[in-house]
PDB file of N, CA and C in Angstrom:
ATOM      1  N   MET A   1      -3.868  35.614 132.823  1.00  0.00           N
ATOM      2  CA  MET A   1      -2.982  35.329 131.711  1.00  0.00           C
ATOM      3  C   MET A   1      -3.116  36.474 130.700  1.00  0.00           C
ATOM      4  N   SER A   2      -2.040  36.816 130.053  1.00  0.00           N
ATOM      5  CA  SER A   2      -2.053  37.878 129.056  1.00  0.00           C
ATOM      6  C   SER A   2      -2.714  37.381 127.773  1.00  0.00           C
ATOM      7  N   SER A   3      -2.556  38.138 126.705  1.00  0.00           N
ATOM      8  CA  SER A   3      -3.211  37.778 125.448  1.00  0.00           C
ATOM      9  C   SER A   3      -2.620  36.538 124.785  1.00  0.00           C
ATOM     10  N   GLY A   4      -1.464  36.070 125.257  1.00  0.00           N
ATOM     11  CA  GLY A   4      -0.848  34.869 124.705  1.00  0.00           C
ATOM     12  C   GLY A   4      -1.415  33.605 125.329  1.00  0.00           C
ATOM     13  N   LYS A   5      -0.852  32.473 124.943  1.00  0.00           N
ATOM     14  CA  LYS A   5      -1.307  31.173 125.436  1.00  0.00           C
ATOM     15  C   LYS A   5      -0.660  30.787 126.761  1.00  0.00           C
ATOM     16  N   THR A   6       0.376  31.540 127.183  1.00  0.00           N
ATOM     17  CA  THR A   6       1.116  31.217 128.403  1.00  0.00           C
ATOM     18  C   THR A   6       1.264  32.465 129.274  1.00  0.00           C
ATOM     19  N   PRO A   7       1.495  32.279 130.583  1.00  0.00           N
ATOM     20  CA  PRO A   7       1.684  33.435 131.466  1.00  0.00           C
ATOM     21  C   PRO A   7       2.888  34.294 131.073  1.00  0.00           C
ATOM     22  N   TYR A   8       3.981  33.662 130.694  1.00  0.00           N
ATOM     23  CA  TYR A   8       5.214  34.359 130.321  1.00  0.00           C
ATOM     24  C   TYR A   8       5.179  34.704 128.837  1.00  0.00           C
ATOM     25  N   GLN A   9       5.551  35.934 128.504  1.00  0.00           N
ATOM     26  CA  GLN A   9       5.511  36.378 127.110  1.00  0.00           C
ATOM     27  C   GLN A   9       6.868  36.859 126.608  1.00  0.00           C
ATOM     28  N   GLY A  10       7.949  36.491 127.295  1.00  0.00           N
ATOM     29  CA  GLY A  10       9.289  36.880 126.866  1.00  0.00           C
ATOM     30  C   GLY A  10       9.836  35.960 125.792  1.00  0.00           C
ATOM     31  N   ASP A  11      11.096  36.208 125.414  1.00  0.00           N
ATOM     32  CA  ASP A  11      11.697  35.399 124.342  1.00  0.00           C
ATOM     33  C   ASP A  11      12.763  34.435 124.838  1.00  0.00           C
ATOM     34  N   ARG A  12      12.843  34.251 126.166  1.00  0.00           N
ATOM     35  CA  ARG A  12      13.843  33.342 126.717  1.00  0.00           C
ATOM     36  C   ARG A  12      13.177  32.112 127.326  1.00  0.00           C
ATOM     37  N   ARG A  13      13.975  31.099 127.501  1.00  0.00           N
ATOM     38  CA  ARG A  13      13.532  29.861 128.145  1.00  0.00           C
ATOM     39  C   ARG A  13      13.211  30.167 129.608  1.00  0.00           C
ATOM     40  N   CYS A  14      12.253  29.458 130.169  1.00  0.00           N
ATOM     41  CA  CYS A  14      11.895  29.644 131.572  1.00  0.00           C
ATOM     42  C   CYS A  14      11.483  28.292 132.170  1.00  0.00           C
ATOM     43  N   PHE A  15      11.107  28.312 133.441  1.00  0.00           N
ATOM     44  CA  PHE A  15      10.656  27.115 134.146  1.00  0.00           C
ATOM     45  C   PHE A  15       9.134  27.100 134.103  1.00  0.00           C
ATOM     46  N   GLY A  16       8.552  25.993 133.686  1.00  0.00           N
ATOM     47  CA  GLY A  16       7.102  25.904 133.588  1.00  0.00           C
ATOM     48  C   GLY A  16       6.524  24.711 134.326  1.00  0.00           C
ATOM     49  N   GLU A  17       5.301  24.886 134.802  1.00  0.00           N
ATOM     50  CA  GLU A  17       4.553  23.806 135.449  1.00  0.00           C
ATOM     51  C   GLU A  17       3.320  23.521 134.594  1.00  0.00           C
ATOM     52  N   TYR A  18       3.088  22.245 134.347  1.00  0.00           N
ATOM     53  CA  TYR A  18       2.038  21.799 133.439  1.00  0.00           C
ATOM     54  C   TYR A  18       1.078  20.854 134.153  1.00  0.00           C
ATOM     55  N   ARG A  19      -0.192  20.862 133.721  1.00  0.00           N
ATOM     56  CA  ARG A  19      -1.181  19.891 134.200  1.00  0.00           C
ATOM     57  C   ARG A  19      -2.117  19.579 133.037  1.00  0.00           C
ATOM     58  N   CYS A  20      -2.167  18.307 132.671  1.00  0.00           N
ATOM     59  CA  CYS A  20      -3.020  17.883 131.563  1.00  0.00           C
ATOM     60  C   CYS A  20      -4.490  17.948 131.992  1.00  0.00           C
ATOM     61  N   PRO A  21      -5.329  18.625 131.216  1.00  0.00           N
ATOM     62  CA  PRO A  21      -6.745  18.701 131.571  1.00  0.00           C
ATOM     63  C   PRO A  21      -7.502  17.390 131.347  1.00  0.00           C
ATOM     64  N   GLU A  22      -6.940  16.474 130.565  1.00  0.00           N
ATOM     65  CA  GLU A  22      -7.600  15.196 130.284  1.00  0.00           C
ATOM     66  C   GLU A  22      -7.341  14.147 131.364  1.00  0.00           C
ATOM     67  N   CYS A  23      -6.053  13.933 131.706  1.00  0.00           N
ATOM     68  CA  CYS A  23      -5.701  12.853 132.642  1.00  0.00           C
ATOM     69  C   CYS A  23      -5.193  13.368 133.990  1.00  0.00           C
ATOM     70  N   ASN A  24      -5.057  14.678 134.124  1.00  0.00           N
ATOM     71  CA  ASN A  24      -4.607  15.320 135.359  1.00  0.00           C
ATOM     72  C   ASN A  24      -3.130  15.079 135.668  1.00  0.00           C
ATOM     73  N   ARG A  25      -2.375  14.556 134.709  1.00  0.00           N
ATOM     74  CA  ARG A  25      -0.935  14.351 134.902  1.00  0.00           C
ATOM     75  C   ARG A  25      -0.260  15.714 134.999  1.00  0.00           C
ATOM     76  N   GLY A  26       0.634  15.859 135.977  1.00  0.00           N
ATOM     77  CA  GLY A  26       1.380  17.101 136.133  1.00  0.00           C
ATOM     78  C   GLY A  26       2.862  16.873 135.908  1.00  0.00           C
ATOM     79  N   TRP A  27       3.543  17.874 135.397  1.00  0.00           N
ATOM     80  CA  TRP A  27       4.994  17.810 135.228  1.00  0.00           C
ATOM     81  C   TRP A  27       5.576  19.208 135.226  1.00  0.00           C
ATOM     82  N   MET A  28       6.881  19.273 135.412  1.00  0.00           N
ATOM     83  CA  MET A  28       7.625  20.520 135.408  1.00  0.00           C
ATOM     84  C   MET A  28       8.707  20.432 134.350  1.00  0.00           C
ATOM     85  N   SER A  29       9.074  21.579 133.792  1.00  0.00           N
ATOM     86  CA  SER A  29      10.107  21.598 132.769  1.00  0.00           C
ATOM     87  C   SER A  29      10.910  22.890 132.844  1.00  0.00           C
ATOM     88  N   ALA A  30      12.222  22.747 132.784  1.00  0.00           N
ATOM     89  CA  ALA A  30      13.113  23.905 132.704  1.00  0.00           C
ATOM     90  C   ALA A  30      13.273  24.332 131.250  1.00  0.00           C
ATOM     91  N   ASN A  31      12.501  23.741 130.364  1.00  0.00           N
ATOM     92  CA  ASN A  31      12.517  24.074 128.938  1.00  0.00           C
ATOM     93  C   ASN A  31      11.119  24.503 128.508  1.00  0.00           C
ATOM     94  N   SER A  32      10.643  25.563 129.139  1.00  0.00           N
ATOM     95  CA  SER A  32       9.328  26.105 128.856  1.00  0.00           C
ATOM     96  C   SER A  32       9.510  27.437 128.128  1.00  0.00           C
ATOM     97  N   TRP A  33       8.634  27.712 127.179  1.00  0.00           N
ATOM     98  CA  TRP A  33       8.748  28.908 126.338  1.00  0.00           C
ATOM     99  C   TRP A  33       7.395  29.588 126.225  1.00  0.00           C
ATOM    100  N   ALA A  34       7.410  30.887 125.925  1.00  0.00           N
ATOM    101  CA  ALA A  34       6.173  31.639 125.725  1.00  0.00           C
ATOM    102  C   ALA A  34       5.367  31.045 124.568  1.00  0.00           C
ATOM    103  N   ASN A  35       4.071  30.923 124.794  1.00  0.00           N
ATOM    104  CA  ASN A  35       3.114  30.478 123.771  1.00  0.00           C
ATOM    105  C   ASN A  35       3.469  29.144 123.123  1.00  0.00           C
ATOM    106  N   THR A  36       4.149  28.288 123.878  1.00  0.00           N
ATOM    107  CA  THR A  36       4.586  26.986 123.375  1.00  0.00           C
ATOM    108  C   THR A  36       4.203  25.905 124.374  1.00  0.00           C
ATOM    109  N   GLY A  37       3.573  24.855 123.903  1.00  0.00           N
ATOM    110  CA  GLY A  37       3.140  23.773 124.773  1.00  0.00           C
ATOM    111  C   GLY A  37       4.041  22.562 124.710  1.00  0.00           C
ATOM    112  N   GLN A  38       3.743  21.609 125.572  1.00  0.00           N
ATOM    113  CA  GLN A  38       4.400  20.308 125.570  1.00  0.00           C
ATOM    114  C   GLN A  38       3.298  19.255 125.542  1.00  0.00           C
ATOM    115  N   GLN A  39       3.560  18.167 124.866  1.00  0.00           N
ATOM    116  CA  GLN A  39       2.574  17.107 124.704  1.00  0.00           C
ATOM    117  C   GLN A  39       2.539  16.231 125.951  1.00  0.00           C
ATOM    118  N   CYS A  40       1.338  15.901 126.417  1.00  0.00           N
ATOM    119  CA  CYS A  40       1.175  14.987 127.543  1.00  0.00           C
ATOM    120  C   CYS A  40       1.602  13.584 127.109  1.00  0.00           C
ATOM    121  N   GLN A  41       2.403  12.925 127.924  1.00  0.00           N
ATOM    122  CA  GLN A  41       2.870  11.569 127.609  1.00  0.00           C
ATOM    123  C   GLN A  41       1.724  10.570 127.574  1.00  0.00           C
ATOM    124  N   ASN A  42       0.692  10.814 128.360  1.00  0.00           N
ATOM    125  CA  ASN A  42      -0.429   9.876 128.434  1.00  0.00           C
ATOM    126  C   ASN A  42      -1.481  10.111 127.354  1.00  0.00           C
ATOM    127  N   CYS A  43      -1.844  11.357 127.131  1.00  0.00           N
ATOM    128  CA  CYS A  43      -2.980  11.688 126.263  1.00  0.00           C
ATOM    129  C   CYS A  43      -2.592  12.174 124.873  1.00  0.00           C
ATOM    130  N   SER A  44      -1.339  12.531 124.695  1.00  0.00           N
ATOM    131  CA  SER A  44      -0.842  13.051 123.412  1.00  0.00           C
ATOM    132  C   SER A  44      -1.504  14.357 122.983  1.00  0.00           C
ATOM    133  N   ILE A  45      -2.033  15.131 123.947  1.00  0.00           N
ATOM    134  CA  ILE A  45      -2.569  16.451 123.611  1.00  0.00           C
ATOM    135  C   ILE A  45      -1.553  17.503 124.048  1.00  0.00           C
ATOM    136  N   VAL A  46      -1.565  18.636 123.373  1.00  0.00           N
ATOM    137  CA  VAL A  46      -0.652  19.723 123.716  1.00  0.00           C
ATOM    138  C   VAL A  46      -1.192  20.449 124.944  1.00  0.00           C
ATOM    139  N   VAL A  47      -0.327  20.623 125.939  1.00  0.00           N
ATOM    140  CA  VAL A  47      -0.685  21.286 127.184  1.00  0.00           C
ATOM    141  C   VAL A  47       0.210  22.514 127.344  1.00  0.00           C
ATOM    142  N   TYR A  48      -0.402  23.640 127.693  1.00  0.00           N
ATOM    143  CA  TYR A  48       0.352  24.866 127.937  1.00  0.00           C
ATOM    144  C   TYR A  48       0.585  25.012 129.434  1.00  0.00           C
ATOM    145  N   PRO A  49       1.699  25.604 129.840  1.00  0.00           N
ATOM    146  CA  PRO A  49       1.996  25.728 131.269  1.00  0.00           C
ATOM    147  C   PRO A  49       1.007  26.657 131.970  1.00  0.00           C
ATOM    148  N   HIS A  50       0.621  26.291 133.195  1.00  0.00           N
ATOM    149  CA  HIS A  50      -0.265  27.146 133.982  1.00  0.00           C
ATOM    150  C   HIS A  50       0.543  28.134 134.808  1.00  0.00           C
ATOM    151  N   THR A  51       1.823  27.812 135.044  1.00  0.00           N
ATOM    152  CA  THR A  51       2.721  28.684 135.797  1.00  0.00           C
ATOM    153  C   THR A  51       4.065  28.702 135.091  1.00  0.00           C
ATOM    154  N   GLN A  52       4.660  29.878 135.006  1.00  0.00           N
ATOM    155  CA  GLN A  52       6.011  30.014 134.449  1.00  0.00           C
ATOM    156  C   GLN A  52       6.769  31.036 135.282  1.00  0.00           C
ATOM    157  N   ARG A  53       8.079  30.792 135.452  1.00  0.00           N
ATOM    158  CA  ARG A  53       8.914  31.743 136.188  1.00  0.00           C
ATOM    159  C   ARG A  53      10.312  31.742 135.585  1.00  0.00           C
ATOM    160  N   PRO A  54      11.085  32.779 135.883  1.00  0.00           N
ATOM    161  CA  PRO A  54      12.440  32.866 135.318  1.00  0.00           C
ATOM    162  C   PRO A  54      13.282  31.649 135.663  1.00  0.00           C
ATOM    163  N   LEU A  55      14.153  31.305 134.769  1.00  0.00           N
ATOM    164  CA  LEU A  55      15.059  30.179 134.953  1.00  0.00           C
ATOM    165  C   LEU A  55      16.368  30.726 135.497  1.00  0.00           C
ATOM    166  N   HIS A  56      16.681  30.366 136.724  1.00  0.00           N
ATOM    167  CA  HIS A  56      17.909  30.829 137.365  1.00  0.00           C
ATOM    168  C   HIS A  56      18.863  29.664 137.542  1.00  0.00           C
ATOM    169  N   LYS A  57      20.141  29.962 137.602  1.00  0.00           N
ATOM    170  CA  LYS A  57      21.142  28.925 137.840  1.00  0.00           C
ATOM    171  C   LYS A  57      20.837  28.253 139.180  1.00  0.00           C
ATOM    172  N   PRO A  58      20.711  26.933 139.202  1.00  0.00           N
ATOM    173  CA  PRO A  58      20.376  26.227 140.441  1.00  0.00           C
ATOM    174  C   PRO A  58      21.477  26.343 141.487  1.00  0.00           C
ATOM    175  N   ASP A  59      21.057  26.532 142.742  1.00  0.00           N
ATOM    176  CA  ASP A  59      22.034  26.613 143.829  1.00  0.00           C
ATOM    177  C   ASP A  59      21.511  26.023 145.132  1.00  0.00           C
ATOM    178  N   GLY A  60      20.509  25.210 145.072  1.00  0.00           N
ATOM    179  CA  GLY A  60      19.962  24.638 146.300  1.00  0.00           C
ATOM    180  C   GLY A  60      18.965  23.548 145.992  1.00  0.00           C
ATOM    181  N   LEU A  61      17.778  23.679 146.560  1.00  0.00           N
ATOM    182  CA  LEU A  61      16.740  22.666 146.382  1.00  0.00           C
ATOM    183  C   LEU A  61      16.157  22.657 144.977  1.00  0.00           C
ATOM    184  N   ASP A  62      16.452  23.709 144.202  1.00  0.00           N
ATOM    185  CA  ASP A  62      15.885  23.782 142.858  1.00  0.00           C
ATOM    186  C   ASP A  62      16.758  23.120 141.806  1.00  0.00           C
ATOM    187  N   LYS A  63      17.723  22.310 142.214  1.00  0.00           N
ATOM    188  CA  LYS A  63      18.574  21.620 141.249  1.00  0.00           C
ATOM    189  C   LYS A  63      17.767  20.560 140.522  1.00  0.00           C
ATOM    190  N   GLY A  64      17.900  20.544 139.222  1.00  0.00           N
ATOM    191  CA  GLY A  64      17.195  19.558 138.413  1.00  0.00           C
ATOM    192  C   GLY A  64      17.975  18.258 138.340  1.00  0.00           C
ATOM    193  N   ASP A  65      17.336  17.259 137.821  1.00  0.00           N
ATOM    194  CA  ASP A  65      17.975  15.960 137.609  1.00  0.00           C
ATOM    195  C   ASP A  65      18.696  16.012 136.267  1.00  0.00           C
ATOM    196  N   VAL A  66      20.012  16.223 136.310  1.00  0.00           N
ATOM    197  CA  VAL A  66      20.788  16.384 135.075  1.00  0.00           C
ATOM    198  C   VAL A  66      20.843  15.101 134.255  1.00  0.00           C
ATOM    199  N   SER A  67      20.542  13.965 134.869  1.00  0.00           N
ATOM    200  CA  SER A  67      20.557  12.702 134.129  1.00  0.00           C
ATOM    201  C   SER A  67      19.265  12.504 133.320  1.00  0.00           C
ATOM    202  N   LYS A  68      18.247  13.300 133.625  1.00  0.00           N
ATOM    203  CA  LYS A  68      16.955  13.169 132.949  1.00  0.00           C
ATOM    204  C   LYS A  68      16.972  13.946 131.629  1.00  0.00           C
ATOM    205  N   GLN A  69      16.649  13.261 130.544  1.00  0.00           N
ATOM    206  CA  GLN A  69      16.636  13.865 129.216  1.00  0.00           C
ATOM    207  C   GLN A  69      15.343  14.658 128.989  1.00  0.00           C
ATOM    208  N   HIS A  70      15.454  15.761 128.284  1.00  0.00           N
ATOM    209  CA  HIS A  70      14.278  16.532 127.872  1.00  0.00           C
ATOM    210  C   HIS A  70      13.598  15.773 126.727  1.00  0.00           C
ATOM    211  N   PRO A  71      12.317  15.434 126.869  1.00  0.00           N
ATOM    212  CA  PRO A  71      11.631  14.664 125.819  1.00  0.00           C
ATOM    213  C   PRO A  71      11.324  15.537 124.595  1.00  0.00           C
ATOM    214  N   GLN A  72      12.283  15.621 123.695  1.00  0.00           N
ATOM    215  CA  GLN A  72      12.169  16.497 122.527  1.00  0.00           C
ATOM    216  C   GLN A  72      10.974  16.154 121.645  1.00  0.00           C
ATOM    217  N   HIS A  73      10.610  14.877 121.597  1.00  0.00           N
ATOM    218  CA  HIS A  73       9.483  14.454 120.760  1.00  0.00           C
ATOM    219  C   HIS A  73       8.136  14.949 121.294  1.00  0.00           C
ATOM    220  N   LEU A  74       8.109  15.446 122.532  1.00  0.00           N
ATOM    221  CA  LEU A  74       6.882  15.964 123.131  1.00  0.00           C
ATOM    222  C   LEU A  74       6.875  17.493 123.211  1.00  0.00           C
ATOM    223  N   CYS A  75       7.947  18.127 122.800  1.00  0.00           N
ATOM    224  CA  CYS A  75       8.119  19.573 122.957  1.00  0.00           C
ATOM    225  C   CYS A  75       7.874  20.305 121.633  1.00  0.00           C
ATOM    226  N   GLU A  76       6.899  21.224 121.643  1.00  0.00           N
ATOM    227  CA  GLU A  76       6.592  21.986 120.426  1.00  0.00           C
ATOM    228  C   GLU A  76       7.786  22.811 119.946  1.00  0.00           C
ATOM    229  N   LYS A  77       8.553  23.371 120.877  1.00  0.00           N
ATOM    230  CA  LYS A  77       9.705  24.210 120.503  1.00  0.00           C
ATOM    231  C   LYS A  77      10.787  23.362 119.837  1.00  0.00           C
ATOM    232  N   CYS A  78      11.104  22.202 120.405  1.00  0.00           N
ATOM    233  CA  CYS A  78      12.105  21.305 119.804  1.00  0.00           C
ATOM    234  C   CYS A  78      11.674  20.885 118.404  1.00  0.00           C
ATOM    235  N   LYS A  79      10.394  20.541 118.255  1.00  0.00           N
ATOM    236  CA  LYS A  79       9.892  20.114 116.949  1.00  0.00           C
ATOM    237  C   LYS A  79      10.005  21.241 115.926  1.00  0.00           C
ATOM    238  N   ARG A  80       9.686  22.455 116.354  1.00  0.00           N
ATOM    239  CA  ARG A  80       9.751  23.598 115.444  1.00  0.00           C
ATOM    240  C   ARG A  80      11.194  23.913 115.045  1.00  0.00           C
ATOM    241  N   LEU A  81      12.129  23.827 116.021  1.00  0.00           N
ATOM    242  CA  LEU A  81      13.537  24.122 115.750  1.00  0.00           C
ATOM    243  C   LEU A  81      14.250  22.990 115.013  1.00  0.00           C
ATOM    244  N   GLY A  82      13.802  21.749 115.269  1.00  0.00           N
ATOM    245  CA  GLY A  82      14.465  20.587 114.687  1.00  0.00           C
ATOM    246  C   GLY A  82      15.636  20.100 115.514  1.00  0.00           C
ATOM    247  N   HIS A  83      15.761  20.614 116.739  1.00  0.00           N
ATOM    248  CA  HIS A  83      16.821  20.199 117.663  1.00  0.00           C
ATOM    249  C   HIS A  83      16.421  20.593 119.085  1.00  0.00           C
ATOM    250  N   PHE A  84      17.232  20.218 120.064  1.00  0.00           N
ATOM    251  CA  PHE A  84      16.966  20.486 121.481  1.00  0.00           C
ATOM    252  C   PHE A  84      16.809  21.986 121.726  1.00  0.00           C
ATOM    253  N   CYS A  85      15.664  22.385 122.253  1.00  0.00           N
ATOM    254  CA  CYS A  85      15.363  23.799 122.467  1.00  0.00           C
ATOM    255  C   CYS A  85      16.237  24.452 123.531  1.00  0.00           C
ATOM    256  N   GLY A  86      16.816  23.669 124.431  1.00  0.00           N
ATOM    257  CA  GLY A  86      17.659  24.228 125.482  1.00  0.00           C
ATOM    258  C   GLY A  86      19.032  24.645 125.013  1.00  0.00           C
ATOM    259  N   ASP A  87      19.397  24.294 123.765  1.00  0.00           N
ATOM    260  CA  ASP A  87      20.692  24.717 123.232  1.00  0.00           C
ATOM    261  C   ASP A  87      20.729  26.210 122.959  1.00  0.00           C
ATOM    262  N   ARG A  88      19.563  26.817 122.816  1.00  0.00           N
ATOM    263  CA  ARG A  88      19.486  28.235 122.447  1.00  0.00           C
ATOM    264  C   ARG A  88      20.081  29.144 123.515  1.00  0.00           C
ATOM    265  N   ASP A  89      19.744  28.903 124.762  1.00  0.00           N
ATOM    266  CA  ASP A  89      20.342  29.694 125.839  1.00  0.00           C
ATOM    267  C   ASP A  89      20.331  28.904 127.127  1.00  0.00           C
ATOM    268  N   ARG A  90      21.180  29.287 128.009  1.00  0.00           N
ATOM    269  CA  ARG A  90      21.258  28.624 129.313  1.00  0.00           C
ATOM    270  C   ARG A  90      20.581  29.512 130.349  1.00  0.00           C
ATOM    271  N   TYR A  91      21.134  29.593 131.535  1.00  0.00           N
ATOM    272  CA  TYR A  91      20.539  30.387 132.610  1.00  0.00           C
ATOM    273  C   TYR A  91      20.697  31.870 132.336  1.00  0.00           C
ATOM    274  N   HIS A  92      19.776  32.650 132.863  1.00  0.00           N
ATOM    275  CA  HIS A  92      19.868  34.106 132.742  1.00  0.00           C
ATOM    276  C   HIS A  92      19.528  34.736 134.058  1.00  0.00           C
TER     277      HIS A  92
END
């Protein structure tokens, strides 16, 4: 990992994989950002992604569940912005 808190150090949204060190709960998010964590639903601690990769327009098995809402109340970026962090940019 670089000098930041996350593997990715760019300024765009990316795909992140998370694992809570307290309860071992894992999750994935297409709303992952550099040096920004998401709160574990079980433990309420901030967890930083262990893996991050570019967010590409889905075209196969990587399609997300569009009916699933991004939990803004658990996202540090949403809380800091005061609105849904994914509104800033889409796929790149």
